[in-house]
N, C-alpha and C. Protein backbone atom coordinates (compact mmCIF):
# COMPACT_ATOMS: atom_id res chain seq x y z
N MET A 1 14.72 -6.74 7.11
CA MET A 1 13.90 -5.64 6.88
C MET A 1 14.44 -4.12 7.29
N GLY A 2 13.97 -3.01 6.83
CA GLY A 2 14.33 -2.01 7.21
C GLY A 2 14.46 -1.20 5.98
N ILE A 3 15.36 0.01 5.86
CA ILE A 3 15.59 0.74 4.84
C ILE A 3 16.25 -0.16 3.52
N LEU A 4 15.49 0.10 2.61
CA LEU A 4 16.15 -0.79 1.33
C LEU A 4 16.90 -0.12 0.45
N SER A 5 17.74 -0.54 -0.29
CA SER A 5 18.45 0.27 -1.27
C SER A 5 17.78 0.23 -2.65
N PHE A 6 17.24 1.36 -3.13
CA PHE A 6 16.38 1.49 -4.31
C PHE A 6 17.43 1.82 -5.62
N PRO A 7 17.00 1.58 -6.74
CA PRO A 7 17.64 2.30 -8.00
C PRO A 7 17.31 3.87 -7.57
N HIS A 8 18.18 4.71 -7.97
CA HIS A 8 18.20 6.11 -7.79
C HIS A 8 17.41 6.78 -8.93
N LYS A 9 17.12 6.23 -9.93
CA LYS A 9 16.46 6.99 -11.12
C LYS A 9 14.95 6.19 -11.51
N LEU A 10 14.03 6.72 -11.89
CA LEU A 10 12.69 6.07 -12.39
C LEU A 10 13.06 5.29 -13.48
N GLU A 11 13.87 5.85 -14.29
CA GLU A 11 14.38 5.08 -15.74
C GLU A 11 14.81 3.60 -15.47
N GLU A 12 15.34 3.50 -14.11
CA GLU A 12 16.08 2.10 -13.66
C GLU A 12 14.99 1.30 -13.29
N TYR A 13 13.56 1.57 -13.16
CA TYR A 13 12.60 0.99 -12.46
C TYR A 13 11.45 0.68 -13.67
N PHE A 14 11.38 1.84 -14.39
CA PHE A 14 10.10 1.83 -15.47
C PHE A 14 10.71 2.12 -16.73
N ASP A 15 9.92 1.41 -17.91
CA ASP A 15 10.38 1.89 -19.12
C ASP A 15 9.09 2.56 -19.81
N PHE A 16 9.49 3.55 -20.46
CA PHE A 16 8.21 4.30 -21.21
C PHE A 16 8.55 4.37 -22.76
N ASP A 17 7.65 3.91 -23.34
CA ASP A 17 7.85 3.85 -24.71
C ASP A 17 6.26 4.02 -25.28
N GLU A 18 6.41 5.21 -26.12
CA GLU A 18 5.08 5.59 -27.02
C GLU A 18 3.72 5.55 -26.27
N GLY A 19 3.79 6.15 -25.14
CA GLY A 19 2.86 6.46 -24.35
C GLY A 19 2.57 5.76 -23.34
N VAL A 20 3.41 4.23 -23.20
CA VAL A 20 3.09 3.42 -22.18
C VAL A 20 3.97 3.31 -21.43
N LEU A 21 4.06 3.12 -19.97
CA LEU A 21 4.67 3.32 -18.86
C LEU A 21 4.40 1.92 -18.32
N ARG A 22 5.59 0.94 -18.23
CA ARG A 22 5.77 -0.39 -17.67
C ARG A 22 6.87 -0.49 -16.59
N GLU A 23 6.46 -1.12 -15.51
CA GLU A 23 7.39 -1.69 -14.58
C GLU A 23 8.35 -2.67 -15.36
N ARG A 24 9.74 -2.44 -15.01
CA ARG A 24 10.84 -3.04 -15.75
C ARG A 24 10.58 -4.89 -15.49
N GLN A 25 10.61 -4.94 -14.03
CA GLN A 25 10.52 -6.25 -13.67
C GLN A 25 9.40 -7.38 -13.97
N TYR A 26 8.14 -7.06 -13.74
CA TYR A 26 6.94 -7.63 -14.13
C TYR A 26 6.29 -7.06 -15.44
N LYS A 27 6.73 -6.14 -15.74
CA LYS A 27 6.24 -5.80 -17.35
C LYS A 27 4.61 -5.32 -17.02
N HIS A 28 4.13 -4.86 -16.05
CA HIS A 28 2.89 -4.43 -15.64
C HIS A 28 2.81 -2.92 -16.26
N ARG A 29 1.80 -2.52 -16.81
CA ARG A 29 1.36 -1.38 -17.30
C ARG A 29 1.03 -0.59 -16.22
N PHE A 30 1.58 0.78 -16.09
CA PHE A 30 1.03 1.61 -14.99
C PHE A 30 0.35 2.89 -15.72
N PHE A 31 -0.39 3.46 -14.87
CA PHE A 31 -0.87 4.93 -15.31
C PHE A 31 -0.69 5.70 -13.96
N LEU A 32 -0.74 7.24 -14.56
CA LEU A 32 -0.38 8.08 -13.19
C LEU A 32 -1.68 8.92 -13.22
N PHE A 33 -1.94 9.25 -11.96
CA PHE A 33 -2.69 10.41 -11.86
C PHE A 33 -2.28 11.22 -10.64
N SER A 34 -2.56 12.41 -10.25
CA SER A 34 -1.94 13.14 -9.12
C SER A 34 -2.70 12.85 -7.93
N VAL A 35 -2.19 13.23 -6.93
CA VAL A 35 -2.71 13.22 -5.35
C VAL A 35 -3.94 14.19 -5.36
N ARG A 36 -3.95 15.21 -6.03
CA ARG A 36 -4.97 16.19 -6.07
C ARG A 36 -6.37 15.18 -7.02
N ASP A 37 -5.91 14.50 -7.91
CA ASP A 37 -6.78 13.74 -8.76
C ASP A 37 -7.57 12.67 -7.63
N TRP A 38 -6.39 11.84 -6.86
CA TRP A 38 -7.06 11.02 -6.12
C TRP A 38 -8.10 11.58 -5.06
N THR A 39 -7.58 12.69 -4.37
CA THR A 39 -8.35 13.36 -3.42
C THR A 39 -9.86 13.62 -3.87
N ALA A 40 -9.90 14.11 -5.16
CA ALA A 40 -11.10 14.27 -5.80
C ALA A 40 -12.01 12.96 -5.79
N ILE A 41 -11.29 11.78 -6.16
CA ILE A 41 -11.99 10.61 -6.28
C ILE A 41 -12.63 10.40 -4.92
N ARG A 42 -11.84 10.46 -3.90
CA ARG A 42 -12.00 10.14 -2.41
C ARG A 42 -13.03 11.19 -2.05
N LYS A 43 -13.04 12.41 -2.16
CA LYS A 43 -14.15 13.24 -1.88
C LYS A 43 -15.48 13.00 -2.45
N GLY A 44 -15.46 12.66 -3.86
CA GLY A 44 -16.74 12.27 -4.63
C GLY A 44 -17.13 11.21 -3.81
N LEU A 45 -16.50 9.92 -3.73
CA LEU A 45 -16.91 8.72 -3.05
C LEU A 45 -17.70 9.02 -1.72
N PHE A 46 -17.07 10.00 -0.79
CA PHE A 46 -17.80 10.14 0.54
C PHE A 46 -18.85 11.06 0.41
N LYS A 47 -18.62 11.84 -0.54
CA LYS A 47 -20.02 12.66 -0.90
C LYS A 47 -21.46 12.04 -1.23
N HIS A 48 -20.96 10.98 -2.16
CA HIS A 48 -22.25 10.10 -2.44
C HIS A 48 -22.48 8.85 -1.75
N PHE A 49 -21.56 8.46 -1.01
CA PHE A 49 -21.58 7.24 -0.14
C PHE A 49 -21.67 7.22 1.43
N GLY A 50 -21.21 8.60 2.00
CA GLY A 50 -21.11 8.69 3.12
C GLY A 50 -20.09 8.00 3.89
N SER A 51 -20.22 7.47 5.04
CA SER A 51 -19.17 6.80 5.67
C SER A 51 -18.91 5.10 4.88
N GLY A 52 -20.14 4.77 4.16
CA GLY A 52 -19.76 3.57 3.35
C GLY A 52 -18.71 3.63 2.41
N ALA A 53 -18.24 4.91 2.07
CA ALA A 53 -17.19 5.28 0.95
C ALA A 53 -15.75 4.49 1.53
N GLY A 54 -15.52 4.68 2.85
CA GLY A 54 -14.62 3.84 3.38
C GLY A 54 -14.22 2.65 3.10
N LEU A 55 -15.49 1.88 3.21
CA LEU A 55 -15.58 0.28 3.08
C LEU A 55 -15.19 0.26 1.63
N ILE A 56 -15.78 0.98 0.67
CA ILE A 56 -15.66 0.94 -0.90
C ILE A 56 -14.13 0.94 -1.00
N LEU A 57 -13.35 2.13 -0.70
CA LEU A 57 -12.03 2.22 -0.83
C LEU A 57 -11.17 1.18 -0.29
N LEU A 58 -11.57 0.50 0.88
CA LEU A 58 -10.70 -0.53 1.51
C LEU A 58 -11.03 -1.76 0.59
N ASN A 59 -12.00 -1.97 0.03
CA ASN A 59 -12.16 -3.21 -0.56
C ASN A 59 -11.44 -3.09 -1.96
N MET A 60 -11.69 -1.93 -2.64
CA MET A 60 -10.98 -1.78 -3.94
C MET A 60 -9.40 -2.19 -3.58
N ALA A 61 -9.01 -1.36 -2.54
CA ALA A 61 -7.45 -1.57 -2.36
C ALA A 61 -7.28 -3.10 -2.00
N ARG A 62 -8.09 -3.67 -1.23
CA ARG A 62 -7.91 -5.12 -0.93
C ARG A 62 -7.66 -6.01 -2.24
N SER A 63 -8.48 -5.64 -3.14
CA SER A 63 -8.59 -6.33 -4.53
C SER A 63 -6.99 -6.08 -5.27
N VAL A 64 -6.67 -4.80 -5.04
CA VAL A 64 -5.37 -4.62 -5.59
C VAL A 64 -4.10 -5.45 -4.99
N GLY A 65 -4.12 -5.35 -3.60
CA GLY A 65 -3.20 -6.36 -2.90
C GLY A 65 -3.26 -7.80 -3.26
N CYS A 66 -4.37 -8.09 -3.57
CA CYS A 66 -4.47 -9.75 -3.74
C CYS A 66 -3.80 -9.72 -5.00
N GLU A 67 -4.12 -9.10 -6.03
CA GLU A 67 -3.63 -9.10 -7.34
C GLU A 67 -2.05 -9.08 -7.38
N LEU A 68 -1.53 -8.09 -6.53
CA LEU A 68 -0.33 -7.81 -6.50
C LEU A 68 0.72 -9.12 -5.92
N ALA A 69 -0.02 -9.69 -4.96
CA ALA A 69 0.48 -10.90 -4.26
C ALA A 69 0.50 -12.13 -5.00
N SER A 70 -0.39 -12.02 -6.04
CA SER A 70 -0.69 -13.62 -6.60
C SER A 70 0.48 -13.93 -7.27
N GLU A 71 1.01 -12.93 -7.98
CA GLU A 71 2.35 -13.36 -8.89
C GLU A 71 3.43 -13.87 -8.13
N GLU A 72 3.60 -13.24 -6.82
CA GLU A 72 4.63 -13.74 -6.06
C GLU A 72 4.42 -14.92 -5.46
N LYS A 73 3.05 -15.13 -5.23
CA LYS A 73 2.72 -16.52 -4.31
C LYS A 73 3.01 -17.63 -5.39
N LYS A 74 2.44 -17.49 -6.69
CA LYS A 74 2.65 -18.58 -7.63
C LYS A 74 4.02 -18.79 -7.93
N ALA A 75 4.77 -17.70 -7.60
CA ALA A 75 6.57 -18.13 -7.88
C ALA A 75 7.25 -18.61 -6.57
N GLY A 76 6.29 -18.81 -5.38
CA GLY A 76 6.84 -19.13 -4.11
C GLY A 76 7.66 -18.19 -3.32
N MET A 77 7.59 -16.94 -3.72
CA MET A 77 8.30 -15.86 -3.03
C MET A 77 8.12 -15.84 -1.72
N PRO A 78 9.18 -16.06 -0.86
CA PRO A 78 9.16 -15.99 0.64
C PRO A 78 8.36 -14.61 1.07
N LEU A 79 7.86 -14.56 2.25
CA LEU A 79 7.22 -13.22 2.71
C LEU A 79 8.17 -12.21 2.82
N GLN A 80 9.35 -12.39 3.48
CA GLN A 80 10.48 -11.33 3.69
C GLN A 80 10.87 -10.66 2.17
N LYS A 81 11.12 -11.69 1.36
CA LYS A 81 11.32 -11.13 -0.06
C LYS A 81 10.31 -10.30 -0.69
N PHE A 82 9.00 -10.69 -0.45
CA PHE A 82 7.59 -9.95 -0.78
C PHE A 82 7.77 -8.78 -0.14
N LEU A 83 8.07 -8.74 1.10
CA LEU A 83 7.90 -7.32 1.77
C LEU A 83 8.91 -6.43 1.12
N ASP A 84 10.05 -6.75 0.68
CA ASP A 84 10.81 -5.97 0.15
C ASP A 84 10.46 -5.52 -1.12
N VAL A 85 9.81 -6.40 -1.98
CA VAL A 85 9.44 -5.96 -3.25
C VAL A 85 8.24 -4.84 -3.11
N LEU A 86 7.34 -5.33 -1.98
CA LEU A 86 6.33 -4.28 -1.70
C LEU A 86 6.87 -2.66 -1.41
N ALA A 87 7.87 -2.74 -0.49
CA ALA A 87 8.44 -1.71 -0.05
C ALA A 87 9.11 -0.72 -1.73
N THR A 88 9.62 -1.41 -2.27
CA THR A 88 10.10 -1.05 -3.81
C THR A 88 9.00 -0.48 -4.51
N ARG A 89 7.89 -1.20 -4.76
CA ARG A 89 6.74 -0.89 -5.43
C ARG A 89 6.04 0.41 -4.89
N THR A 90 6.10 0.23 -3.70
CA THR A 90 5.46 1.57 -2.93
C THR A 90 6.19 2.76 -3.12
N TYR A 91 7.47 2.59 -3.20
CA TYR A 91 8.46 3.70 -3.38
C TYR A 91 8.29 4.46 -4.84
N TYR A 92 8.22 3.52 -5.82
CA TYR A 92 8.34 3.83 -7.22
C TYR A 92 6.87 4.15 -7.78
N ALA A 93 5.96 3.71 -7.06
CA ALA A 93 4.57 3.99 -7.39
C ALA A 93 4.13 5.38 -6.81
N GLY A 94 5.16 5.90 -6.13
CA GLY A 94 4.86 7.33 -5.56
C GLY A 94 3.70 7.26 -4.31
N TRP A 95 3.62 6.08 -3.67
CA TRP A 95 2.78 6.01 -2.62
C TRP A 95 3.38 6.64 -1.33
N GLY A 96 4.68 6.73 -1.34
CA GLY A 96 5.14 7.19 -0.09
C GLY A 96 6.55 6.42 0.40
N SER A 97 7.21 6.44 1.22
CA SER A 97 8.42 5.98 1.68
C SER A 97 8.15 5.06 2.85
N ALA A 98 8.31 3.71 2.42
CA ALA A 98 7.84 2.80 3.31
C ALA A 98 9.04 2.08 4.09
N VAL A 99 8.94 1.85 5.31
CA VAL A 99 10.05 1.20 6.06
C VAL A 99 9.36 0.14 7.03
N MET A 100 9.83 -1.37 6.85
CA MET A 100 9.19 -2.16 7.24
C MET A 100 10.15 -2.90 8.25
N THR A 101 9.63 -3.31 9.53
CA THR A 101 10.43 -3.90 10.64
C THR A 101 9.68 -5.02 11.17
N GLU A 102 10.60 -5.98 11.77
CA GLU A 102 9.79 -7.09 12.41
C GLU A 102 10.04 -7.03 13.79
N ASN A 103 9.22 -6.99 14.94
CA ASN A 103 9.53 -7.05 16.14
C ASN A 103 9.83 -8.50 16.69
N ASP A 104 10.36 -8.53 17.74
CA ASP A 104 10.76 -9.86 18.40
C ASP A 104 9.50 -10.83 18.63
N ASP A 105 8.30 -10.22 18.77
CA ASP A 105 6.86 -11.15 18.71
C ASP A 105 6.60 -11.43 17.42
N GLY A 106 7.30 -11.36 16.16
CA GLY A 106 6.99 -11.45 15.22
C GLY A 106 5.96 -10.81 14.26
N SER A 107 5.61 -9.82 14.90
CA SER A 107 4.63 -8.62 14.15
C SER A 107 5.67 -7.96 13.23
N ILE A 108 4.94 -7.69 12.15
CA ILE A 108 5.59 -6.75 11.07
C ILE A 108 4.99 -5.59 11.21
N HIS A 109 5.69 -4.30 11.08
CA HIS A 109 5.10 -3.02 11.14
C HIS A 109 5.87 -2.34 10.07
N ILE A 110 4.95 -1.88 9.33
CA ILE A 110 5.20 -1.15 7.93
C ILE A 110 4.59 0.41 8.30
N LYS A 111 5.72 1.47 8.01
CA LYS A 111 5.44 2.81 8.26
C LYS A 111 5.61 3.55 7.04
N ILE A 112 4.54 4.30 6.77
CA ILE A 112 4.78 4.98 5.32
C ILE A 112 4.72 6.69 5.77
N LYS A 113 5.73 7.00 5.41
CA LYS A 113 5.95 8.78 5.29
C LYS A 113 5.35 9.23 4.04
N ASP A 114 4.66 10.37 4.35
CA ASP A 114 4.07 11.00 2.97
C ASP A 114 3.27 10.13 1.93
N CYS A 115 2.48 9.52 2.74
CA CYS A 115 1.35 8.69 2.09
C CYS A 115 0.50 9.32 1.25
N ALA A 116 0.71 8.88 0.05
CA ALA A 116 -0.12 9.54 -1.20
C ALA A 116 -1.54 9.36 -1.05
N PHE A 117 -2.09 8.40 -0.60
CA PHE A 117 -3.47 8.34 -0.24
C PHE A 117 -4.03 9.11 0.76
N CYS A 118 -3.30 9.61 1.76
CA CYS A 118 -3.61 10.41 2.68
C CYS A 118 -3.52 11.86 2.44
N ASP A 119 -2.43 12.36 1.79
CA ASP A 119 -2.02 13.38 1.41
C ASP A 119 -3.32 14.15 0.96
N LYS A 120 -3.43 15.52 1.43
CA LYS A 120 -4.65 16.52 0.78
C LYS A 120 -5.75 16.04 1.49
N ALA A 121 -5.91 15.00 1.93
CA ALA A 121 -7.39 14.57 2.58
C ALA A 121 -7.61 15.37 3.93
N GLU A 122 -8.82 15.88 4.01
CA GLU A 122 -9.26 16.53 5.08
C GLU A 122 -9.06 15.61 6.35
N VAL A 123 -8.32 16.35 7.43
CA VAL A 123 -8.00 15.61 8.63
C VAL A 123 -9.45 15.31 9.45
N ASP A 124 -9.64 13.80 9.67
CA ASP A 124 -10.96 13.22 10.33
C ASP A 124 -10.32 12.36 11.33
N PRO A 125 -10.50 12.69 12.54
CA PRO A 125 -9.96 11.72 13.76
C PRO A 125 -10.54 10.63 13.65
N ASN A 126 -11.78 10.22 13.15
CA ASN A 126 -12.56 9.09 13.09
C ASN A 126 -12.32 8.14 11.99
N ALA A 127 -11.44 8.75 10.96
CA ALA A 127 -11.23 8.00 9.76
C ALA A 127 -10.52 6.62 9.88
N THR A 128 -11.05 5.82 9.03
CA THR A 128 -10.36 4.37 9.25
C THR A 128 -10.18 3.70 7.75
N GLY A 129 -9.23 2.82 7.65
CA GLY A 129 -9.01 2.21 6.08
C GLY A 129 -8.21 3.07 5.18
N CYS A 130 -7.29 3.30 5.71
CA CYS A 130 -6.23 4.08 4.54
C CYS A 130 -6.22 3.03 3.48
N PHE A 131 -6.26 3.53 2.25
CA PHE A 131 -5.88 2.66 1.16
C PHE A 131 -4.94 1.61 1.25
N VAL A 132 -3.84 2.18 1.62
CA VAL A 132 -2.54 1.20 1.69
C VAL A 132 -2.97 -0.04 2.69
N LEU A 133 -3.88 0.19 3.81
CA LEU A 133 -4.28 -0.77 4.60
C LEU A 133 -4.84 -1.85 3.93
N GLY A 134 -5.73 -1.40 2.99
CA GLY A 134 -6.59 -2.59 2.05
C GLY A 134 -5.53 -3.24 1.35
N VAL A 135 -4.63 -2.43 0.74
CA VAL A 135 -3.79 -3.23 -0.21
C VAL A 135 -2.86 -4.13 0.60
N VAL A 136 -2.48 -3.69 1.80
CA VAL A 136 -1.52 -4.82 2.72
C VAL A 136 -2.55 -5.85 3.06
N GLN A 137 -3.80 -5.83 3.57
CA GLN A 137 -4.59 -6.58 3.80
C GLN A 137 -4.79 -7.71 2.76
N GLY A 138 -5.27 -7.33 1.55
CA GLY A 138 -4.99 -8.24 0.18
C GLY A 138 -3.91 -8.96 0.18
N MET A 139 -2.71 -8.35 0.10
CA MET A 139 -1.48 -8.96 -0.11
C MET A 139 -1.21 -10.27 0.92
N ILE A 140 -1.49 -9.96 2.24
CA ILE A 140 -1.11 -10.83 3.21
C ILE A 140 -2.27 -11.92 3.45
N ASP A 141 -3.57 -11.51 2.93
CA ASP A 141 -4.29 -12.60 2.77
C ASP A 141 -4.12 -13.78 1.94
N GLN A 142 -3.37 -13.30 0.79
CA GLN A 142 -2.96 -14.01 -0.29
C GLN A 142 -1.64 -14.96 0.24
N LEU A 143 -0.85 -14.48 0.97
CA LEU A 143 0.49 -14.92 1.18
C LEU A 143 0.54 -15.77 2.63
N ILE A 144 -0.18 -15.45 3.51
CA ILE A 144 -0.10 -16.07 4.79
C ILE A 144 -1.60 -16.88 5.03
N GLU A 145 -1.28 -18.17 5.32
CA GLU A 145 -2.41 -18.92 5.32
C GLU A 145 -2.82 -19.23 6.72
N SER A 146 -1.99 -19.14 7.60
CA SER A 146 -2.48 -19.03 9.07
C SER A 146 -3.23 -17.73 9.61
N PRO A 147 -3.96 -17.98 10.53
CA PRO A 147 -4.94 -16.85 10.88
C PRO A 147 -4.16 -15.54 11.26
N HIS A 148 -4.38 -14.33 10.72
CA HIS A 148 -3.52 -13.31 11.04
C HIS A 148 -4.36 -11.96 11.17
N VAL A 149 -3.83 -11.01 11.61
CA VAL A 149 -4.70 -9.65 11.73
C VAL A 149 -3.65 -8.62 11.17
N VAL A 150 -4.32 -7.91 10.39
CA VAL A 150 -3.81 -6.58 9.86
C VAL A 150 -4.52 -5.20 10.13
N ARG A 151 -4.00 -4.34 11.03
CA ARG A 151 -4.60 -3.19 11.68
C ARG A 151 -3.63 -2.01 11.30
N GLU A 152 -4.61 -0.84 11.36
CA GLU A 152 -4.02 0.31 11.20
C GLU A 152 -3.66 0.87 12.51
N GLU A 153 -2.35 1.35 12.83
CA GLU A 153 -2.13 2.04 14.29
C GLU A 153 -2.45 3.47 14.24
N LYS A 154 -1.81 3.94 12.95
CA LYS A 154 -1.89 5.38 12.61
C LYS A 154 -2.10 5.54 11.42
N CYS A 155 -2.77 6.88 11.09
CA CYS A 155 -3.28 7.42 9.48
C CYS A 155 -3.09 8.78 9.63
N GLN A 156 -2.34 9.29 8.59
CA GLN A 156 -2.16 10.65 7.99
C GLN A 156 -3.30 11.41 8.22
N THR A 157 -4.59 10.69 7.52
CA THR A 157 -5.79 11.23 7.73
C THR A 157 -6.29 11.58 9.00
N ARG A 158 -5.81 10.82 10.01
CA ARG A 158 -6.48 10.97 11.38
C ARG A 158 -5.50 12.17 12.06
N GLY A 159 -4.78 12.67 11.39
CA GLY A 159 -3.78 13.64 11.88
C GLY A 159 -2.37 13.26 12.29
N ASP A 160 -2.22 11.93 12.15
CA ASP A 160 -0.84 11.26 12.63
C ASP A 160 0.31 11.82 11.60
N ARG A 161 1.47 11.50 11.90
CA ARG A 161 2.59 11.98 11.39
C ARG A 161 2.76 10.97 10.07
N LEU A 162 2.52 9.79 10.19
CA LEU A 162 2.69 8.70 9.38
C LEU A 162 1.55 7.75 9.33
N CYS A 163 1.56 6.85 8.46
CA CYS A 163 0.76 5.64 8.28
C CYS A 163 1.42 4.64 8.85
N HIS A 164 0.93 3.71 9.61
CA HIS A 164 1.61 2.73 10.37
C HIS A 164 0.58 1.58 10.43
N ILE A 165 0.96 0.45 9.53
CA ILE A 165 0.20 -0.86 9.67
C ILE A 165 0.89 -1.86 10.37
N VAL A 166 0.21 -2.67 11.13
CA VAL A 166 0.74 -3.80 11.91
C VAL A 166 0.28 -5.04 11.35
N ILE A 167 1.07 -6.04 11.08
CA ILE A 167 0.43 -7.38 10.87
C ILE A 167 0.94 -8.25 11.91
N GLN A 168 0.07 -9.13 12.34
CA GLN A 168 0.53 -10.24 13.30
C GLN A 168 -0.43 -11.22 13.39
N ARG A 169 0.24 -12.45 13.88
CA ARG A 169 -0.61 -13.66 13.77
C ARG A 169 -1.88 -13.58 14.79
N ALA A 170 -2.83 -14.18 14.40
CA ALA A 170 -4.21 -14.10 15.29
C ALA A 170 -4.02 -15.07 16.41
N VAL A 171 -4.46 -14.66 17.50
CA VAL A 171 -4.24 -15.53 18.64
C VAL A 171 -5.49 -16.54 18.80
């Protein structure tokens, strides 16, 4: 794990034809909206649901993660390869630049610089549940059958420089 080699142009990762944007490898359709629009969605949810909005966003994201991992699980993709695919998808979806490392204790660390889901969010030292945390939780729940923990060490919404998610086996 670590820094991956990505194609240098979006055209090498996506196909765009007659108003339809598709990821080349999986043929999944994509749609785009700006970080400003995401921020408006986030603010609207917190305005209407208060602190419960964090749980809503986390569960939405977890569903996304489960779906992303389901194809790879069916194909029997090893976790290492899947994490490389995740880093590539994160990069090309515009979520930020992810670097993944594995420590000697077997824990996996995902560090995301310029997280799109935290960009433009009001800094809240008590914020929890970065959208990416939910995505990672959903994926890991699908791919790892042994007990595990996915936790958020740092989050740009809390004022940290980057988002840092840790995956480790439960003790």
